[in-house]
C-alpha atoms as a PDB file:
ATOM      1  CA  UNK A   1       1.870  -4.700  -3.045  1.00  0.00           C
ATOM      2  CA  UNK A   2       3.135  -5.224   0.466  1.00  0.00           C
ATOM      3  CA  UNK A   3       3.227  -8.985   1.259  1.00  0.00           C
ATOM      4  CA  UNK A   4       2.107  -8.323   4.812  1.00  0.00           C
ATOM      5  CA  UNK A   5      -1.051  -6.731   3.494  1.00  0.00           C
ATOM      6  CA  UNK A   6      -3.590  -9.577   3.221  1.00  0.00           C
ATOM      7  CA  UNK A   7      -6.858  -8.459   1.635  1.00  0.00           C
ATOM      8  CA  UNK A   8     -10.003 -10.526   1.316  1.00  0.00           C
ATOM      9  CA  UNK A   9     -13.802 -10.157   1.251  1.00  0.00           C
ATOM     10  CA  UNK A  10     -13.715 -11.039   4.906  1.00  0.00           C
ATOM     11  CA  UNK A  11     -12.615  -7.431   5.462  1.00  0.00           C
ATOM     12  CA  UNK A  12     -15.650  -6.019   3.661  1.00  0.00           C
ATOM     13  CA  UNK A  13     -18.031  -3.887   5.752  1.00  0.00           C
ATOM     14  CA  UNK A  14     -20.530  -5.930   7.705  1.00  0.00           C
ATOM     15  CA  UNK A  15     -22.360  -3.259   9.713  1.00  0.00           C
ATOM     16  CA  UNK A  16     -24.443  -0.334   8.534  1.00  0.00           C
ATOM     17  CA  UNK A  17     -21.993   2.071  10.228  1.00  0.00           C
ATOM     18  CA  UNK A  18     -19.069   0.658   8.268  1.00  0.00           C
ATOM     19  CA  UNK A  19     -21.074   0.957   5.035  1.00  0.00           C
ATOM     20  CA  UNK A  20     -21.931   4.579   5.730  1.00  0.00           C
ATOM     21  CA  UNK A  21     -18.287   5.409   6.441  1.00  0.00           C
ATOM     22  CA  UNK A  22     -17.143   3.817   3.171  1.00  0.00           C
ATOM     23  CA  UNK A  23     -19.981   5.447   1.172  1.00  0.00           C
ATOM     24  CA  UNK A  24     -18.159   8.803   1.572  1.00  0.00           C
ATOM     25  CA  UNK A  25     -14.955   7.443   0.024  1.00  0.00           C
ATOM     26  CA  UNK A  26     -14.632   7.496  -3.817  1.00  0.00           C
ATOM     27  CA  UNK A  27     -13.051   3.985  -3.900  1.00  0.00           C
ATOM     28  CA  UNK A  28     -14.419   2.840  -7.252  1.00  0.00           C
ATOM     29  CA  UNK A  29     -13.645   6.195  -8.886  1.00  0.00           C
ATOM     30  CA  UNK A  30     -10.040   6.142  -7.689  1.00  0.00           C
ATOM     31  CA  UNK A  31      -9.518   2.514  -8.715  1.00  0.00           C
ATOM     32  CA  UNK A  32     -10.919   3.407 -12.120  1.00  0.00           C
ATOM     33  CA  UNK A  33      -8.450   6.233 -12.456  1.00  0.00           C
ATOM     34  CA  UNK A  34      -5.642   3.907 -11.428  1.00  0.00           C
ATOM     35  CA  UNK A  35      -6.779   1.482 -14.111  1.00  0.00           C
ATOM     36  CA  UNK A  36      -6.620   4.275 -16.733  1.00  0.00           C
ATOM     37  CA  UNK A  37      -3.125   5.210 -15.663  1.00  0.00           C
ATOM     38  CA  UNK A  38      -2.109   1.568 -15.609  1.00  0.00           C
ATOM     39  CA  UNK A  39      -3.360   0.896 -19.160  1.00  0.00           C
ATOM     40  CA  UNK A  40      -1.805   4.067 -20.590  1.00  0.00           C
ATOM     41  CA  UNK A  41       1.535   4.475 -18.965  1.00  0.00           C
ATOM     42  CA  UNK A  42       2.041   2.622 -15.661  1.00  0.00           C
ATOM     43  CA  UNK A  43       2.277  -1.096 -16.385  1.00  0.00           C
ATOM     44  CA  UNK A  44       4.104  -1.489 -13.048  1.00  0.00           C
ATOM     45  CA  UNK A  45       0.676  -1.050 -11.339  1.00  0.00           C
ATOM     46  CA  UNK A  46      -1.009  -4.030 -12.999  1.00  0.00           C
ATOM     47  CA  UNK A  47      -0.899  -6.485 -10.097  1.00  0.00           C
ATOM     48  CA  UNK A  48      -1.770  -4.032  -7.344  1.00  0.00           C
ATOM     49  CA  UNK A  49      -4.623  -2.357  -9.237  1.00  0.00           C
ATOM     50  CA  UNK A  50      -5.962  -5.761 -10.283  1.00  0.00           C
ATOM     51  CA  UNK A  51      -6.106  -6.794  -6.631  1.00  0.00           C
ATOM     52  CA  UNK A  52      -7.849  -3.599  -5.626  1.00  0.00           C
ATOM     53  CA  UNK A  53     -10.437  -3.873  -8.411  1.00  0.00           C
ATOM     54  CA  UNK A  54     -11.687  -7.133  -6.828  1.00  0.00           C
ATOM     55  CA  UNK A  55     -13.220  -5.155  -3.983  1.00  0.00           C
ATOM     56  CA  UNK A  56     -14.945  -2.298  -5.831  1.00  0.00           C
ATOM     57  CA  UNK A  57     -18.437  -3.469  -4.944  1.00  0.00           C
ATOM     58  CA  UNK A  58     -17.906  -3.563  -1.223  1.00  0.00           C
ATOM     59  CA  UNK A  59     -14.570  -2.108  -0.046  1.00  0.00           C
ATOM     60  CA  UNK A  60     -13.518  -1.696   3.591  1.00  0.00           C
ATOM     61  CA  UNK A  61     -11.145   0.822   5.087  1.00  0.00           C
ATOM     62  CA  UNK A  62      -8.193  -1.573   4.746  1.00  0.00           C
ATOM     63  CA  UNK A  63      -8.797  -1.696   0.995  1.00  0.00           C
ATOM     64  CA  UNK A  64      -8.852   2.121   0.878  1.00  0.00           C
ATOM     65  CA  UNK A  65      -5.557   2.217   2.771  1.00  0.00           C
ATOM     66  CA  UNK A  66      -4.050  -0.120   0.178  1.00  0.00           C
ATOM     67  CA  UNK A  67      -5.314   2.131  -2.664  1.00  0.00           C
ATOM     68  CA  UNK A  68      -3.758   5.203  -0.986  1.00  0.00           C
ATOM     69  CA  UNK A  69      -0.485   3.277  -0.770  1.00  0.00           C
ATOM     70  CA  UNK A  70      -0.577   2.767  -4.557  1.00  0.00           C
ATOM     71  CA  UNK A  71      -1.132   6.505  -4.996  1.00  0.00           C
ATOM     72  CA  UNK A  72       1.853   7.271  -2.788  1.00  0.00           C
ATOM     73  CA  UNK A  73       3.942   4.817  -4.812  1.00  0.00           C
ATOM     74  CA  UNK A  74       2.905   6.613  -8.015  1.00  0.00           C
ATOM     75  CA  UNK A  75       3.879   9.980  -6.564  1.00  0.00           C
ATOM     76  CA  UNK A  76       7.221   8.660  -5.412  1.00  0.00           C
ATOM     77  CA  UNK A  77       8.049   7.102  -8.819  1.00  0.00           C
ATOM     78  CA  UNK A  78       6.729   9.752 -11.145  1.00  0.00           C
ATOM     79  CA  UNK A  79      10.259  10.817 -12.209  1.00  0.00           C
ATOM     80  CA  UNK A  80      11.255   7.300 -13.342  1.00  0.00           C
ATOM     81  CA  UNK A  81      11.012   6.227 -16.974  1.00  0.00           C
ATOM     82  CA  UNK A  82      11.878   3.408 -19.357  1.00  0.00           C
ATOM     83  CA  UNK A  83      14.676   4.271 -21.794  1.00  0.00           C
ATOM     84  CA  UNK A  84      15.454   2.110 -24.812  1.00  0.00           C
ATOM     85  CA  UNK A  85      18.738   2.722 -26.606  1.00  0.00           C
ATOM     86  CA  UNK A  86      19.779   1.698 -30.106  1.00  0.00           C
ATOM     87  CA  UNK A  87      20.994  -1.791 -30.781  1.00  0.00           C
ATOM     88  CA  UNK A  88      19.450  -5.194 -30.742  1.00  0.00           C
ATOM     89  CA  UNK A  89      16.513  -5.769 -28.453  1.00  0.00           C
ATOM     90  CA  UNK A  90      16.121  -9.226 -27.000  1.00  0.00           C
ATOM     91  CA  UNK A  91      12.855 -10.501 -25.692  1.00  0.00           C
ATOM     92  CA  UNK A  92      12.616 -12.662 -22.521  1.00  0.00           C
ATOM     93  CA  UNK A  93       9.373 -14.201 -21.211  1.00  0.00           C
ATOM     94  CA  UNK A  94       8.413 -15.444 -17.796  1.00  0.00           C
ATOM     95  CA  UNK A  95       5.297 -17.043 -16.412  1.00  0.00           C
ATOM     96  CA  UNK A  96       4.048 -17.989 -12.985  1.00  0.00           C
ATOM     97  CA  UNK A  97       0.994 -19.414 -11.287  1.00  0.00           C
ATOM     98  CA  UNK A  98      -0.464 -19.434  -7.782  1.00  0.00           C
ATOM     99  CA  UNK A  99      -2.880 -22.128  -6.797  1.00  0.00           C
ATOM    100  CA  UNK A 100      -4.524 -20.181  -4.003  1.00  0.00           C
ATOM    101  CA  UNK A 101      -4.129 -16.453  -4.760  1.00  0.00           C
ATOM    102  CA  UNK A 102      -7.793 -15.665  -4.448  1.00  0.00           C
ATOM    103  CA  UNK A 103      -8.587 -16.388  -0.797  1.00  0.00           C
ATOM    104  CA  UNK A 104     -12.303 -15.709  -1.315  1.00  0.00           C
ATOM    105  CA  UNK A 105     -13.122 -18.040  -4.170  1.00  0.00           C
ATOM    106  CA  UNK A 106     -10.170 -20.399  -3.979  1.00  0.00           C
ATOM    107  CA  UNK A 107      -9.319 -19.814  -7.622  1.00  0.00           C
ATOM    108  CA  UNK A 108      -5.859 -20.037  -9.032  1.00  0.00           C
ATOM    109  CA  UNK A 109      -4.145 -17.093 -10.705  1.00  0.00           C
ATOM    110  CA  UNK A 110      -1.590 -17.149 -13.426  1.00  0.00           C
ATOM    111  CA  UNK A 111       0.402 -14.432 -15.164  1.00  0.00           C
ATOM    112  CA  UNK A 112       3.192 -13.714 -17.520  1.00  0.00           C
ATOM    113  CA  UNK A 113       5.689 -10.999 -18.229  1.00  0.00           C
ATOM    114  CA  UNK A 114       7.806 -10.247 -21.262  1.00  0.00           C
ATOM    115  CA  UNK A 115      10.883  -8.091 -21.090  1.00  0.00           C
ATOM    116  CA  UNK A 116      12.051  -6.202 -24.133  1.00  0.00           C
ATOM    117  CA  UNK A 117      15.677  -5.198 -24.089  1.00  0.00           C
ATOM    118  CA  UNK A 118      17.091  -7.849 -21.813  1.00  0.00           C
ATOM    119  CA  UNK A 119      17.360  -8.299 -18.097  1.00  0.00           C
ATOM    120  CA  UNK A 120      20.469  -6.308 -17.277  1.00  0.00           C
END
């Protein structure tokens, strides 16, 4: 996700015209498809798709623009893959927390990542 892209429920449609415009866009369906891809093969999408799924009930055009950016990222990285070679595999774990990641509900967010095969 682009750090300059700040999304919140403040951006959600407030007028009937905005709601009609967004009703034509398959936001929830596309986010669901991204979730499927994320769970099956694209773990690099976890953070971005998680952020987009927060707005499925009432997305605005800015949310849709962010989803399209994820799709462009997927298209641009479709030829990349993880390759594990023989030898010993080491596991390294990291964790992090953010006390104000959810701007709408002021909830903290935490996460973790484990790397298999080292950090080189």
